[in-house]
Amino acid sequence: MAQHDLSVNVPQTLDPVYANRIQVAYKEDEFTFMFLHEIPGTNQARAKSIVSITPKHAKNLLAVLSKSMKDYEEKFGSIQPPEEKGGSSNVTMRGYS
């Protein structure tokens, strides 16, 4: 794949968001990621952002995340996945049609 420089315009009014949970849904032509902030001590979460991408872009995202995690762990050490309590996970995956 050819690499090229891309100029990105980030508006000064764009605030970063924090998410500690994600829901992933998919259908034939898109993947949708809902980034959530789970409120500690409650059974509630607030949606912070919803992003939909094509399956091809989702596959590219997977490759970028895998390489980034490998690079991170080489630099900072291995990350152990958290133990799941009561079958809960910070990622919920579901398909839809």
PDB file of N, CA and C in Angstrom:
ATOM      1  N   MET A   1       0.853  -1.168   0.000  1.00  0.00           N
ATOM      2  CA  MET A   1       0.000   0.000   0.000  1.00  0.00           C
ATOM      3  C   MET A   1       0.900   1.232   0.000  1.00  0.00           C
ATOM      4  N   ALA A   2       0.616   2.178  -0.872  1.00  0.00           N
ATOM      5  CA  ALA A   2       1.404   3.402  -0.973  1.00  0.00           C
ATOM      6  C   ALA A   2       1.139   4.298   0.228  1.00  0.00           C
ATOM      7  N   GLN A   3       2.210   4.873   0.763  1.00  0.00           N
ATOM      8  CA  GLN A   3       2.091   5.800   1.881  1.00  0.00           C
ATOM      9  C   GLN A   3       2.151   7.210   1.316  1.00  0.00           C
ATOM     10  N   HIS A   4       1.371   8.104   1.930  1.00  0.00           N
ATOM     11  CA  HIS A   4       1.436   9.503   1.532  1.00  0.00           C
ATOM     12  C   HIS A   4       1.131  10.374   2.742  1.00  0.00           C
ATOM     13  N   ASP A   5       1.671  11.598   2.695  1.00  0.00           N
ATOM     14  CA  ASP A   5       1.405  12.540   3.775  1.00  0.00           C
ATOM     15  C   ASP A   5      -0.006  13.062   3.640  1.00  0.00           C
ATOM     16  N   LEU A   6      -0.642  13.256   4.775  1.00  0.00           N
ATOM     17  CA  LEU A   6      -2.007  13.757   4.792  1.00  0.00           C
ATOM     18  C   LEU A   6      -2.069  14.902   5.786  1.00  0.00           C
ATOM     19  N   SER A   7      -2.498  16.038   5.324  1.00  0.00           N
ATOM     20  CA  SER A   7      -2.658  17.186   6.209  1.00  0.00           C
ATOM     21  C   SER A   7      -4.023  17.073   6.889  1.00  0.00           C
ATOM     22  N   VAL A   8      -4.015  17.051   8.222  1.00  0.00           N
ATOM     23  CA  VAL A   8      -5.253  16.894   8.982  1.00  0.00           C
ATOM     24  C   VAL A   8      -5.559  18.209   9.688  1.00  0.00           C
ATOM     25  N   ASN A   9      -6.759  18.704   9.481  1.00  0.00           N
ATOM     26  CA  ASN A   9      -7.200  19.929  10.138  1.00  0.00           C
ATOM     27  C   ASN A   9      -8.015  19.539  11.366  1.00  0.00           C
ATOM     28  N   VAL A  10      -7.472  19.815  12.557  1.00  0.00           N
ATOM     29  CA  VAL A  10      -8.174  19.524  13.801  1.00  0.00           C
ATOM     30  C   VAL A  10      -8.690  20.846  14.356  1.00  0.00           C
ATOM     31  N   PRO A  11     -10.009  21.045  14.341  1.00  0.00           N
ATOM     32  CA  PRO A  11     -10.561  22.311  14.847  1.00  0.00           C
ATOM     33  C   PRO A  11     -10.196  22.522  16.316  1.00  0.00           C
ATOM     34  N   GLN A  12      -9.915  23.763  16.688  1.00  0.00           N
ATOM     35  CA  GLN A  12      -9.560  24.070  18.072  1.00  0.00           C
ATOM     36  C   GLN A  12     -10.711  23.761  19.026  1.00  0.00           C
ATOM     37  N   THR A  13     -11.927  23.710  18.517  1.00  0.00           N
ATOM     38  CA  THR A  13     -13.095  23.440  19.367  1.00  0.00           C
ATOM     39  C   THR A  13     -13.352  21.951  19.561  1.00  0.00           C
ATOM     40  N   LEU A  14     -12.552  21.100  18.907  1.00  0.00           N
ATOM     41  CA  LEU A  14     -12.734  19.654  19.032  1.00  0.00           C
ATOM     42  C   LEU A  14     -12.129  19.173  20.345  1.00  0.00           C
ATOM     43  N   ASP A  15     -12.970  18.669  21.232  1.00  0.00           N
ATOM     44  CA  ASP A  15     -12.515  18.174  22.523  1.00  0.00           C
ATOM     45  C   ASP A  15     -12.272  16.676  22.455  1.00  0.00           C
ATOM     46  N   PRO A  16     -11.203  16.205  23.087  1.00  0.00           N
ATOM     47  CA  PRO A  16     -10.998  14.758  23.159  1.00  0.00           C
ATOM     48  C   PRO A  16     -12.053  14.139  24.065  1.00  0.00           C
ATOM     49  N   VAL A  17     -12.366  12.875  23.819  1.00  0.00           N
ATOM     50  CA  VAL A  17     -13.317  12.163  24.665  1.00  0.00           C
ATOM     51  C   VAL A  17     -12.625  10.951  25.263  1.00  0.00           C
ATOM     52  N   TYR A  18     -13.097  10.529  26.434  1.00  0.00           N
ATOM     53  CA  TYR A  18     -12.579   9.338  27.103  1.00  0.00           C
ATOM     54  C   TYR A  18     -13.663   8.269  27.057  1.00  0.00           C
ATOM     55  N   ALA A  19     -13.281   7.067  26.669  1.00  0.00           N
ATOM     56  CA  ALA A  19     -14.212   5.944  26.656  1.00  0.00           C
ATOM     57  C   ALA A  19     -13.552   4.763  27.354  1.00  0.00           C
ATOM     58  N   ASN A  20     -14.302   4.074  28.214  1.00  0.00           N
ATOM     59  CA  ASN A  20     -13.772   2.891  28.879  1.00  0.00           C
ATOM     60  C   ASN A  20     -14.570   1.637  28.515  1.00  0.00           C
ATOM     61  N   ARG A  21     -15.399   1.758  27.509  1.00  0.00           N
ATOM     62  CA  ARG A  21     -16.192   0.634  27.014  1.00  0.00           C
ATOM     63  C   ARG A  21     -16.518   0.910  25.553  1.00  0.00           C
ATOM     64  N   ILE A  22     -16.659  -0.147  24.778  1.00  0.00           N
ATOM     65  CA  ILE A  22     -17.003   0.015  23.361  1.00  0.00           C
ATOM     66  C   ILE A  22     -17.996  -1.073  22.960  1.00  0.00           C
ATOM     67  N   GLN A  23     -18.951  -0.696  22.144  1.00  0.00           N
ATOM     68  CA  GLN A  23     -19.853  -1.664  21.529  1.00  0.00           C
ATOM     69  C   GLN A  23     -19.553  -1.672  20.037  1.00  0.00           C
ATOM     70  N   VAL A  24     -19.473  -2.857  19.473  1.00  0.00           N
ATOM     71  CA  VAL A  24     -19.189  -3.009  18.055  1.00  0.00           C
ATOM     72  C   VAL A  24     -20.351  -3.747  17.416  1.00  0.00           C
ATOM     73  N   ALA A  25     -20.905  -3.153  16.396  1.00  0.00           N
ATOM     74  CA  ALA A  25     -21.979  -3.794  15.632  1.00  0.00           C
ATOM     75  C   ALA A  25     -21.559  -3.796  14.163  1.00  0.00           C
ATOM     76  N   TYR A  26     -22.084  -4.723  13.409  1.00  0.00           N
ATOM     77  CA  TYR A  26     -21.705  -4.791  12.002  1.00  0.00           C
ATOM     78  C   TYR A  26     -22.856  -5.325  11.174  1.00  0.00           C
ATOM     79  N   LYS A  27     -22.814  -4.969   9.924  1.00  0.00           N
ATOM     80  CA  LYS A  27     -23.688  -5.544   8.920  1.00  0.00           C
ATOM     81  C   LYS A  27     -22.857  -5.681   7.658  1.00  0.00           C
ATOM     82  N   GLU A  28     -23.459  -6.087   6.588  1.00  0.00           N
ATOM     83  CA  GLU A  28     -22.689  -6.420   5.388  1.00  0.00           C
ATOM     84  C   GLU A  28     -21.789  -5.284   4.921  1.00  0.00           C
ATOM     85  N   ASP A  29     -22.260  -4.044   5.014  1.00  0.00           N
ATOM     86  CA  ASP A  29     -21.509  -2.943   4.414  1.00  0.00           C
ATOM     87  C   ASP A  29     -20.889  -1.957   5.410  1.00  0.00           C
ATOM     88  N   GLU A  30     -20.961  -2.235   6.726  1.00  0.00           N
ATOM     89  CA  GLU A  30     -20.340  -1.305   7.673  1.00  0.00           C
ATOM     90  C   GLU A  30     -20.122  -1.932   9.038  1.00  0.00           C
ATOM     91  N   PHE A  31     -19.147  -1.393   9.737  1.00  0.00           N
ATOM     92  CA  PHE A  31     -18.915  -1.655  11.152  1.00  0.00           C
ATOM     93  C   PHE A  31     -19.233  -0.362  11.885  1.00  0.00           C
ATOM     94  N   THR A  32     -19.913  -0.469  13.009  1.00  0.00           N
ATOM     95  CA  THR A  32     -20.244   0.702  13.813  1.00  0.00           C
ATOM     96  C   THR A  32     -19.663   0.501  15.205  1.00  0.00           C
ATOM     97  N   PHE A  33     -18.912   1.516  15.660  1.00  0.00           N
ATOM     98  CA  PHE A  33     -18.270   1.506  16.975  1.00  0.00           C
ATOM     99  C   PHE A  33     -18.933   2.572  17.824  1.00  0.00           C
ATOM    100  N   MET A  34     -19.497   2.161  18.951  1.00  0.00           N
ATOM    101  CA  MET A  34     -20.077   3.124  19.887  1.00  0.00           C
ATOM    102  C   MET A  34     -19.147   3.172  21.095  1.00  0.00           C
ATOM    103  N   PHE A  35     -18.501   4.326  21.273  1.00  0.00           N
ATOM    104  CA  PHE A  35     -17.591   4.529  22.383  1.00  0.00           C
ATOM    105  C   PHE A  35     -18.382   5.064  23.568  1.00  0.00           C
ATOM    106  N   LEU A  36     -18.241   4.388  24.712  1.00  0.00           N
ATOM    107  CA  LEU A  36     -19.042   4.702  25.892  1.00  0.00           C
ATOM    108  C   LEU A  36     -18.151   5.043  27.071  1.00  0.00           C
ATOM    109  N   HIS A  37     -18.693   5.819  27.995  1.00  0.00           N
ATOM    110  CA  HIS A  37     -18.046   6.036  29.287  1.00  0.00           C
ATOM    111  C   HIS A  37     -18.946   5.404  30.329  1.00  0.00           C
ATOM    112  N   GLU A  38     -18.488   4.265  30.883  1.00  0.00           N
ATOM    113  CA  GLU A  38     -19.250   3.581  31.921  1.00  0.00           C
ATOM    114  C   GLU A  38     -19.043   4.342  33.225  1.00  0.00           C
ATOM    115  N   ILE A  39     -20.129   4.694  33.867  1.00  0.00           N
ATOM    116  CA  ILE A  39     -20.074   5.472  35.098  1.00  0.00           C
ATOM    117  C   ILE A  39     -19.782   4.524  36.252  1.00  0.00           C
ATOM    118  N   PRO A  40     -18.641   4.718  36.938  1.00  0.00           N
ATOM    119  CA  PRO A  40     -18.262   3.801  38.022  1.00  0.00           C
ATOM    120  C   PRO A  40     -19.340   3.709  39.099  1.00  0.00           C
ATOM    121  N   GLY A  41     -19.536   2.497  39.603  1.00  0.00           N
ATOM    122  CA  GLY A  41     -20.484   2.268  40.682  1.00  0.00           C
ATOM    123  C   GLY A  41     -21.939   2.259  40.253  1.00  0.00           C
ATOM    124  N   THR A  42     -22.178   2.296  38.951  1.00  0.00           N
ATOM    125  CA  THR A  42     -23.559   2.257  38.454  1.00  0.00           C
ATOM    126  C   THR A  42     -23.634   1.216  37.340  1.00  0.00           C
ATOM    127  N   ASN A  43     -24.822   0.989  36.853  1.00  0.00           N
ATOM    128  CA  ASN A  43     -24.984   0.127  35.682  1.00  0.00           C
ATOM    129  C   ASN A  43     -25.353   0.987  34.473  1.00  0.00           C
ATOM    130  N   GLN A  44     -24.778   2.182  34.413  1.00  0.00           N
ATOM    131  CA  GLN A  44     -25.082   3.130  33.343  1.00  0.00           C
ATOM    132  C   GLN A  44     -23.816   3.506  32.580  1.00  0.00           C
ATOM    133  N   ALA A  45     -24.017   3.857  31.334  1.00  0.00           N
ATOM    134  CA  ALA A  45     -22.931   4.356  30.495  1.00  0.00           C
ATOM    135  C   ALA A  45     -23.477   5.474  29.622  1.00  0.00           C
ATOM    136  N   ARG A  46     -22.612   6.418  29.283  1.00  0.00           N
ATOM    137  CA  ARG A  46     -22.977   7.513  28.384  1.00  0.00           C
ATOM    138  C   ARG A  46     -22.265   7.309  27.056  1.00  0.00           C
ATOM    139  N   ALA A  47     -23.013   7.392  25.968  1.00  0.00           N
ATOM    140  CA  ALA A  47     -22.402   7.325  24.639  1.00  0.00           C
ATOM    141  C   ALA A  47     -21.606   8.601  24.424  1.00  0.00           C
ATOM    142  N   LYS A  48     -20.348   8.456  24.008  1.00  0.00           N
ATOM    143  CA  LYS A  48     -19.482   9.599  23.779  1.00  0.00           C
ATOM    144  C   LYS A  48     -19.276   9.856  22.295  1.00  0.00           C
ATOM    145  N   SER A  49     -19.297   8.789  21.494  1.00  0.00           N
ATOM    146  CA  SER A  49     -19.072   8.942  20.064  1.00  0.00           C
ATOM    147  C   SER A  49     -19.543   7.675  19.359  1.00  0.00           C
ATOM    148  N   ILE A  50     -20.049   7.837  18.156  1.00  0.00           N
ATOM    149  CA  ILE A  50     -20.430   6.709  17.318  1.00  0.00           C
ATOM    150  C   ILE A  50     -19.723   6.895  15.980  1.00  0.00           C
ATOM    151  N   VAL A  51     -18.987   5.869  15.555  1.00  0.00           N
ATOM    152  CA  VAL A  51     -18.215   5.948  14.321  1.00  0.00           C
ATOM    153  C   VAL A  51     -18.548   4.727  13.470  1.00  0.00           C
ATOM    154  N   SER A  52     -18.914   4.951  12.217  1.00  0.00           N
ATOM    155  CA  SER A  52     -19.179   3.858  11.279  1.00  0.00           C
ATOM    156  C   SER A  52     -18.129   3.902  10.170  1.00  0.00           C
ATOM    157  N   ILE A  53     -17.618   2.707   9.808  1.00  0.00           N
ATOM    158  CA  ILE A  53     -16.620   2.592   8.753  1.00  0.00           C
ATOM    159  C   ILE A  53     -16.935   1.370   7.896  1.00  0.00           C
ATOM    160  N   THR A  54     -16.320   1.313   6.735  1.00  0.00           N
ATOM    161  CA  THR A  54     -16.524   0.172   5.843  1.00  0.00           C
ATOM    162  C   THR A  54     -15.780  -1.047   6.399  1.00  0.00           C
ATOM    163  N   PRO A  55     -16.186  -2.263   5.986  1.00  0.00           N
ATOM    164  CA  PRO A  55     -15.452  -3.451   6.416  1.00  0.00           C
ATOM    165  C   PRO A  55     -13.970  -3.399   6.032  1.00  0.00           C
ATOM    166  N   LYS A  56     -13.641  -2.846   4.870  1.00  0.00           N
ATOM    167  CA  LYS A  56     -12.247  -2.734   4.452  1.00  0.00           C
ATOM    168  C   LYS A  56     -11.474  -1.834   5.415  1.00  0.00           C
ATOM    169  N   HIS A  57     -12.074  -0.711   5.805  1.00  0.00           N
ATOM    170  CA  HIS A  57     -11.413   0.172   6.763  1.00  0.00           C
ATOM    171  C   HIS A  57     -11.319  -0.491   8.139  1.00  0.00           C
ATOM    172  N   ALA A  58     -12.313  -1.301   8.510  1.00  0.00           N
ATOM    173  CA  ALA A  58     -12.259  -2.021   9.786  1.00  0.00           C
ATOM    174  C   ALA A  58     -11.085  -3.005   9.777  1.00  0.00           C
ATOM    175  N   LYS A  59     -10.864  -3.674   8.669  1.00  0.00           N
ATOM    176  CA  LYS A  59      -9.739  -4.608   8.551  1.00  0.00           C
ATOM    177  C   LYS A  59      -8.417  -3.854   8.658  1.00  0.00           C
ATOM    178  N   ASN A  60      -8.335  -2.677   8.029  1.00  0.00           N
ATOM    179  CA  ASN A  60      -7.132  -1.851   8.137  1.00  0.00           C
ATOM    180  C   ASN A  60      -6.936  -1.366   9.580  1.00  0.00           C
ATOM    181  N   LEU A  61      -8.025  -0.999  10.251  1.00  0.00           N
ATOM    182  CA  LEU A  61      -7.956  -0.570  11.646  1.00  0.00           C
ATOM    183  C   LEU A  61      -7.408  -1.695  12.519  1.00  0.00           C
ATOM    184  N   LEU A  62      -7.872  -2.918  12.286  1.00  0.00           N
ATOM    185  CA  LEU A  62      -7.380  -4.076  13.033  1.00  0.00           C
ATOM    186  C   LEU A  62      -5.867  -4.223  12.865  1.00  0.00           C
ATOM    187  N   ALA A  63      -5.373  -4.084  11.647  1.00  0.00           N
ATOM    188  CA  ALA A  63      -3.935  -4.208  11.387  1.00  0.00           C
ATOM    189  C   ALA A  63      -3.155  -3.092  12.078  1.00  0.00           C
ATOM    190  N   VAL A  64      -3.662  -1.869  12.013  1.00  0.00           N
ATOM    191  CA  VAL A  64      -2.986  -0.729  12.645  1.00  0.00           C
ATOM    192  C   VAL A  64      -2.968  -0.901  14.165  1.00  0.00           C
ATOM    193  N   LEU A  65      -4.095  -1.313  14.755  1.00  0.00           N
ATOM    194  CA  LEU A  65      -4.144  -1.523  16.199  1.00  0.00           C
ATOM    195  C   LEU A  65      -3.203  -2.653  16.629  1.00  0.00           C
ATOM    196  N   SER A  66      -3.149  -3.728  15.860  1.00  0.00           N
ATOM    197  CA  SER A  66      -2.257  -4.850  16.184  1.00  0.00           C
ATOM    198  C   SER A  66      -0.802  -4.410  16.165  1.00  0.00           C
ATOM    199  N   LYS A  67      -0.401  -3.673  15.135  1.00  0.00           N
ATOM    200  CA  LYS A  67       0.982  -3.193  15.054  1.00  0.00           C
ATOM    201  C   LYS A  67       1.268  -2.189  16.162  1.00  0.00           C
ATOM    202  N   SER A  68       0.329  -1.283  16.427  1.00  0.00           N
ATOM    203  CA  SER A  68       0.529  -0.283  17.477  1.00  0.00           C
ATOM    204  C   SER A  68       0.670  -0.950  18.842  1.00  0.00           C
ATOM    205  N   MET A  69      -0.131  -1.972  19.119  1.00  0.00           N
ATOM    206  CA  MET A  69      -0.049  -2.670  20.401  1.00  0.00           C
ATOM    207  C   MET A  69       1.283  -3.405  20.520  1.00  0.00           C
ATOM    208  N   LYS A  70       1.719  -4.036  19.443  1.00  0.00           N
ATOM    209  CA  LYS A  70       3.015  -4.719  19.447  1.00  0.00           C
ATOM    210  C   LYS A  70       4.132  -3.720  19.736  1.00  0.00           C
ATOM    211  N   ASP A  71       4.128  -2.587  19.054  1.00  0.00           N
ATOM    212  CA  ASP A  71       5.142  -1.549  19.268  1.00  0.00           C
ATOM    213  C   ASP A  71       5.088  -1.022  20.701  1.00  0.00           C
ATOM    214  N   TYR A  72       3.890  -0.789  21.216  1.00  0.00           N
ATOM    215  CA  TYR A  72       3.706  -0.285  22.581  1.00  0.00           C
ATOM    216  C   TYR A  72       4.305  -1.265  23.587  1.00  0.00           C
ATOM    217  N   GLU A  73       3.959  -2.555  23.447  1.00  0.00           N
ATOM    218  CA  GLU A  73       4.439  -3.559  24.399  1.00  0.00           C
ATOM    219  C   GLU A  73       5.949  -3.751  24.314  1.00  0.00           C
ATOM    220  N   GLU A  74       6.518  -3.586  23.130  1.00  0.00           N
ATOM    221  CA  GLU A  74       7.975  -3.653  23.012  1.00  0.00           C
ATOM    222  C   GLU A  74       8.632  -2.502  23.762  1.00  0.00           C
ATOM    223  N   LYS A  75       7.985  -1.360  23.771  1.00  0.00           N
ATOM    224  CA  LYS A  75       8.540  -0.172  24.423  1.00  0.00           C
ATOM    225  C   LYS A  75       8.245  -0.131  25.923  1.00  0.00           C
ATOM    226  N   PHE A  76       7.015  -0.492  26.326  1.00  0.00           N
ATOM    227  CA  PHE A  76       6.572  -0.304  27.710  1.00  0.00           C
ATOM    228  C   PHE A  76       6.325  -1.603  28.481  1.00  0.00           C
ATOM    229  N   GLY A  77       6.360  -2.736  27.821  1.00  0.00           N
ATOM    230  CA  GLY A  77       6.105  -4.005  28.491  1.00  0.00           C
ATOM    231  C   GLY A  77       4.740  -4.572  28.143  1.00  0.00           C
ATOM    232  N   SER A  78       4.608  -5.858  28.413  1.00  0.00           N
ATOM    233  CA  SER A  78       3.393  -6.592  28.071  1.00  0.00           C
ATOM    234  C   SER A  78       2.193  -6.120  28.883  1.00  0.00           C
ATOM    235  N   ILE A  79       1.055  -6.094  28.240  1.00  0.00           N
ATOM    236  CA  ILE A  79      -0.210  -5.750  28.896  1.00  0.00           C
ATOM    237  C   ILE A  79      -1.007  -7.031  29.055  1.00  0.00           C
ATOM    238  N   GLN A  80      -1.421  -7.314  30.274  1.00  0.00           N
ATOM    239  CA  GLN A  80      -2.254  -8.480  30.529  1.00  0.00           C
ATOM    240  C   GLN A  80      -3.716  -8.065  30.454  1.00  0.00           C
ATOM    241  N   PRO A  81      -4.528  -8.830  29.747  1.00  0.00           N
ATOM    242  CA  PRO A  81      -5.958  -8.493  29.698  1.00  0.00           C
ATOM    243  C   PRO A  81      -6.556  -8.557  31.098  1.00  0.00           C
ATOM    244  N   PRO A  82      -7.500  -7.673  31.408  1.00  0.00           N
ATOM    245  CA  PRO A  82      -8.116  -7.712  32.735  1.00  0.00           C
ATOM    246  C   PRO A  82      -8.932  -8.984  32.911  1.00  0.00           C
ATOM    247  N   GLU A  83      -8.986  -9.455  34.152  1.00  0.00           N
ATOM    248  CA  GLU A  83      -9.843 -10.602  34.435  1.00  0.00           C
ATOM    249  C   GLU A  83     -11.288 -10.152  34.330  1.00  0.00           C
ATOM    250  N   GLU A  84     -12.084 -10.965  33.664  1.00  0.00           N
ATOM    251  CA  GLU A  84     -13.490 -10.616  33.509  1.00  0.00           C
ATOM    252  C   GLU A  84     -14.251 -10.991  34.775  1.00  0.00           C
ATOM    253  N   LYS A  85     -15.002 -10.044  35.290  1.00  0.00           N
ATOM    254  CA  LYS A  85     -15.806 -10.271  36.492  1.00  0.00           C
ATOM    255  C   LYS A  85     -17.247 -10.525  36.078  1.00  0.00           C
ATOM    256  N   GLY A  86     -17.762 -11.655  36.456  1.00  0.00           N
ATOM    257  CA  GLY A  86     -19.168 -11.940  36.178  1.00  0.00           C
ATOM    258  C   GLY A  86     -19.518 -11.997  34.713  1.00  0.00           C
ATOM    259  N   GLY A  87     -18.542 -12.333  33.855  1.00  0.00           N
ATOM    260  CA  GLY A  87     -18.821 -12.442  32.432  1.00  0.00           C
ATOM    261  C   GLY A  87     -18.906 -11.105  31.721  1.00  0.00           C
ATOM    262  N   SER A  88     -18.597 -10.008  32.412  1.00  0.00           N
ATOM    263  CA  SER A  88     -18.659  -8.685  31.796  1.00  0.00           C
ATOM    264  C   SER A  88     -17.375  -8.404  31.036  1.00  0.00           C
ATOM    265  N   SER A  89     -17.496  -7.708  29.931  1.00  0.00           N
ATOM    266  CA  SER A  89     -16.352  -7.314  29.126  1.00  0.00           C
ATOM    267  C   SER A  89     -16.509  -5.857  28.749  1.00  0.00           C
ATOM    268  N   ASN A  90     -15.411  -5.194  28.456  1.00  0.00           N
ATOM    269  CA  ASN A  90     -15.489  -3.800  28.026  1.00  0.00           C
ATOM    270  C   ASN A  90     -15.798  -3.675  26.545  1.00  0.00           C
ATOM    271  N   VAL A  91     -15.950  -4.804  25.860  1.00  0.00           N
ATOM    272  CA  VAL A  91     -16.317  -4.794  24.443  1.00  0.00           C
ATOM    273  C   VAL A  91     -17.551  -5.658  24.262  1.00  0.00           C
ATOM    274  N   THR A  92     -18.573  -5.098  23.663  1.00  0.00           N
ATOM    275  CA  THR A  92     -19.769  -5.859  23.320  1.00  0.00           C
ATOM    276  C   THR A  92     -19.839  -5.922  21.804  1.00  0.00           C
ATOM    277  N   MET A  93     -19.909  -7.131  21.258  1.00  0.00           N
ATOM    278  CA  MET A  93     -19.996  -7.274  19.804  1.00  0.00           C
ATOM    279  C   MET A  93     -21.351  -7.851  19.461  1.00  0.00           C
ATOM    280  N   ARG A  94     -21.944  -7.291  18.436  1.00  0.00           N
ATOM    281  CA  ARG A  94     -23.219  -7.817  17.969  1.00  0.00           C
ATOM    282  C   ARG A  94     -23.356  -7.511  16.493  1.00  0.00           C
ATOM    283  N   GLY A  95     -23.961  -8.409  15.775  1.00  0.00           N
ATOM    284  CA  GLY A  95     -24.227  -8.175  14.366  1.00  0.00           C
ATOM    285  C   GLY A  95     -25.659  -7.709  14.184  1.00  0.00           C
ATOM    286  N   TYR A  96     -25.905  -7.050  13.110  1.00  0.00           N
ATOM    287  CA  TYR A  96     -27.266  -6.652  12.794  1.00  0.00           C
ATOM    288  C   TYR A  96     -27.418  -6.658  11.298  1.00  0.00           C
ATOM    289  N   SER A  97     -28.652  -6.699  10.853  1.00  0.00           N
ATOM    290  CA  SER A  97     -28.873  -6.740   9.403  1.00  0.00           C
ATOM    291  C   SER A  97     -29.827  -5.667   8.969  1.00  0.00           C
TER     292      SER A  97
END
